[in-house]
Protein backbone atom coordinates (compact mmCIF):
# COMPACT_ATOMS: atom_id res chain seq x y z
CA MET A 1 53.99 -24.24 22.10
CA LEU A 2 53.21 -27.86 22.90
CA GLN A 3 55.11 -27.64 26.13
CA VAL A 4 52.99 -24.70 27.30
CA LEU A 5 49.77 -26.48 26.41
CA SER A 6 50.79 -29.76 27.97
CA GLY A 7 51.64 -28.12 31.29
CA THR A 8 49.31 -28.01 34.23
CA GLY A 9 47.90 -25.13 36.13
CA ALA A 10 46.64 -21.66 35.41
CA VAL A 11 49.20 -20.86 32.72
CA ALA A 12 48.03 -23.72 30.51
CA ASN A 13 44.36 -22.88 30.98
CA ARG A 14 45.02 -19.24 30.18
CA ALA A 15 46.94 -20.15 27.02
CA VAL A 16 44.17 -22.46 25.82
CA SER A 17 41.43 -19.92 26.49
CA LEU A 18 43.35 -17.21 24.64
CA MET A 19 43.70 -19.44 21.60
CA VAL A 20 40.06 -20.55 21.62
CA ASN A 21 38.47 -17.15 22.18
CA ARG A 22 40.75 -15.20 19.91
CA VAL A 23 38.89 -13.81 16.86
CA PRO A 24 40.98 -12.29 14.09
CA LYS A 25 40.42 -8.61 13.36
CA SER A 26 39.48 -9.36 9.76
CA SER A 27 36.51 -11.54 10.77
CA ARG A 28 35.30 -8.87 13.23
CA PHE A 29 35.49 -6.32 10.42
CA ALA A 30 33.63 -8.68 8.06
CA GLY A 31 30.89 -9.15 10.67
CA LEU A 32 30.54 -5.40 11.06
CA VAL A 33 30.33 -4.96 7.28
CA ARG A 34 27.68 -7.70 7.06
CA ALA A 35 25.60 -6.00 9.77
CA LEU A 36 25.86 -2.62 8.05
CA VAL A 37 24.87 -4.12 4.70
CA LEU A 38 21.86 -5.77 6.33
CA VAL A 39 20.73 -2.51 7.92
CA ALA A 40 21.29 -0.56 4.69
CA GLY A 41 19.34 -3.18 2.73
CA ALA A 42 16.44 -2.95 5.17
CA VAL A 43 16.38 0.84 4.92
CA VAL A 44 16.49 0.81 1.12
CA SER A 45 13.78 -1.84 0.79
CA THR A 46 11.53 0.02 3.20
CA ALA A 47 12.06 3.28 1.37
CA CYS A 48 11.32 1.66 -1.98
CA ALA A 49 8.19 -0.01 -0.63
CA ASP A 50 6.83 3.33 0.53
CA SER A 51 7.62 5.19 -2.65
CA LEU A 52 4.79 6.07 -4.97
CA THR A 53 4.69 5.42 -8.66
CA ALA A 54 2.20 8.20 -9.27
CA PRO A 55 2.37 11.84 -8.21
CA VAL A 56 1.38 12.81 -4.68
CA LEU A 57 -0.35 16.03 -5.69
CA LEU A 58 -2.94 16.25 -8.44
CA ASP A 59 -2.94 18.96 -11.04
CA ASP A 60 -5.79 21.45 -10.60
CA ALA A 61 -7.06 20.81 -14.13
CA VAL A 62 -7.22 17.05 -13.50
CA ALA A 63 -9.06 17.46 -10.22
CA GLN A 64 -11.54 19.92 -11.73
CA ARG A 65 -12.15 17.61 -14.70
CA VAL A 66 -13.20 14.58 -12.63
CA LEU A 67 -14.82 16.36 -9.68
CA PRO A 68 -18.28 16.82 -11.31
CA SER A 69 -18.61 13.09 -12.06
CA VAL A 70 -17.69 12.19 -8.47
CA GLN A 71 -20.17 14.73 -7.12
CA ASP A 72 -22.91 13.36 -9.38
CA ALA A 73 -22.14 9.81 -8.29
CA ARG A 74 -22.26 10.81 -4.64
CA LEU A 75 -25.32 13.06 -4.70
CA ARG A 76 -27.57 11.39 -7.26
CA LEU A 77 -26.46 7.87 -8.15
CA SER A 78 -25.33 6.35 -4.87
CA THR A 79 -28.58 7.26 -3.11
CA ALA A 80 -30.36 4.78 -5.38
CA ILE A 81 -28.41 1.76 -4.08
CA GLU A 82 -30.91 -0.41 -2.25
CA ASN A 83 -28.57 -2.18 0.17
CA ALA A 84 -28.22 0.25 3.10
CA GLY A 85 -24.77 -0.96 4.18
CA VAL A 86 -23.34 -0.73 0.69
CA ARG A 87 -25.03 2.65 0.12
CA GLU A 88 -23.58 4.16 3.31
CA ARG A 89 -20.10 2.88 2.64
CA VAL A 90 -20.10 4.03 -0.99
CA LEU A 91 -21.45 7.43 0.06
CA TYR A 92 -18.65 7.74 2.61
CA ASP A 93 -15.93 6.72 0.15
CA LEU A 94 -17.26 9.04 -2.55
CA ALA A 95 -17.32 11.92 -0.04
CA GLN A 96 -13.73 11.11 0.93
CA LEU A 97 -12.80 10.91 -2.75
CA GLU A 98 -14.39 14.30 -3.36
CA ASP A 99 -12.47 15.79 -0.40
CA ALA A 100 -9.25 14.27 -1.72
CA LEU A 101 -9.83 15.79 -5.16
CA VAL A 102 -10.53 19.21 -3.67
CA ALA A 103 -7.35 18.91 -1.57
CA ARG A 104 -5.44 17.56 -4.62
CA ASP A 105 -4.36 14.52 -2.57
CA ALA A 106 -3.70 11.87 -5.22
CA GLN A 107 -2.76 9.09 -2.81
CA ARG A 108 -5.99 9.38 -0.82
CA ALA A 109 -7.99 9.67 -4.05
CA ARG A 110 -6.46 6.45 -5.41
CA TYR A 111 -7.18 4.69 -2.13
CA HIS A 112 -10.88 5.62 -2.10
CA VAL A 113 -11.29 4.83 -5.80
CA ARG A 114 -10.00 1.29 -5.17
CA LEU A 115 -12.04 0.90 -2.00
CA ALA A 116 -15.34 2.11 -3.44
CA GLY A 117 -14.74 0.14 -6.63
CA GLY A 118 -14.09 -3.05 -4.66
CA ILE A 119 -17.28 -2.60 -2.64
CA LEU A 120 -19.34 -1.98 -5.77
CA LEU A 121 -17.78 -4.96 -7.54
CA ASP A 122 -18.55 -7.27 -4.60
CA TYR A 123 -22.12 -5.94 -4.49
CA HIS A 124 -22.52 -6.40 -8.23
CA VAL A 125 -21.14 -9.94 -8.20
CA SER A 126 -23.08 -11.06 -5.12
CA LEU A 127 -26.46 -10.02 -6.51
CA GLY A 128 -25.90 -10.92 -10.15
CA GLN A 129 -29.10 -10.67 -12.20
CA LEU A 130 -31.25 -9.84 -9.15
CA GLU A 131 -29.76 -6.39 -8.95
CA ILE A 132 -32.49 -3.78 -9.46
CA ASP A 133 -30.15 -0.82 -9.06
CA GLY A 134 -27.64 -2.16 -11.59
CA ALA A 135 -27.75 0.90 -13.84
CA ASP A 136 -26.85 3.20 -10.96
CA VAL A 137 -24.07 0.89 -9.78
CA GLY A 138 -22.72 0.75 -13.34
CA ALA A 139 -22.84 4.55 -13.63
CA ILE A 140 -20.91 4.91 -10.35
CA ALA A 141 -18.39 2.38 -11.67
CA LEU A 142 -17.98 4.50 -14.83
CA SER A 143 -17.40 7.57 -12.69
CA LEU A 144 -14.80 5.69 -10.64
CA HIS A 145 -13.12 4.46 -13.83
CA HIS A 146 -12.96 8.01 -15.16
CA THR A 147 -11.47 9.20 -11.87
CA ALA A 148 -9.03 6.27 -11.69
CA THR A 149 -7.61 7.05 -15.12
CA ALA A 150 -7.10 10.67 -14.08
CA VAL A 151 -5.46 10.02 -10.69
CA GLY A 152 -3.59 6.84 -11.61
CA GLY A 153 -5.66 4.50 -9.47
CA GLY A 154 -6.14 0.84 -10.13
CA PHE A 155 -9.80 0.27 -10.89
CA ASP A 156 -10.82 -2.38 -13.44
CA ILE A 157 -14.10 -1.50 -15.16
CA SER A 158 -14.08 -4.73 -17.18
CA ALA A 159 -15.29 -6.67 -14.13
CA PHE A 160 -18.68 -4.95 -14.40
CA ARG A 161 -20.43 -7.02 -17.08
């Protein structure tokens, strides 16, 4: 072998390049397995990230139980919010929440419960004791809490103090 490598010309260069570029079949197989594991891991983690912990469809009894409180909050209570921007956004989210309850769409209902609750919490915290419409905001928060417990949404009523 040393005689072939020590020679001059094209034969020696070809022998050296074959030895340098040669990759064993086992390492090619290991690389393929690593790539497949990476792709499978990405698919599984994406699928798990998109999975829901709560049901996608609401039960009719659950939707009918919380629908009157959402309608009351939208039609009567939210119109008393003095800040026009907050009022419009809360009205929109409560209308979307009502539509989601009628359609039994639990995921959309949870989303709008969290969104409307976050807006009301920010409004409540930013105004503090100056809030004239605090009773109405608190009543909407109670309605959202009632709805969140029914649909499995994450709304924390303890922040409203």
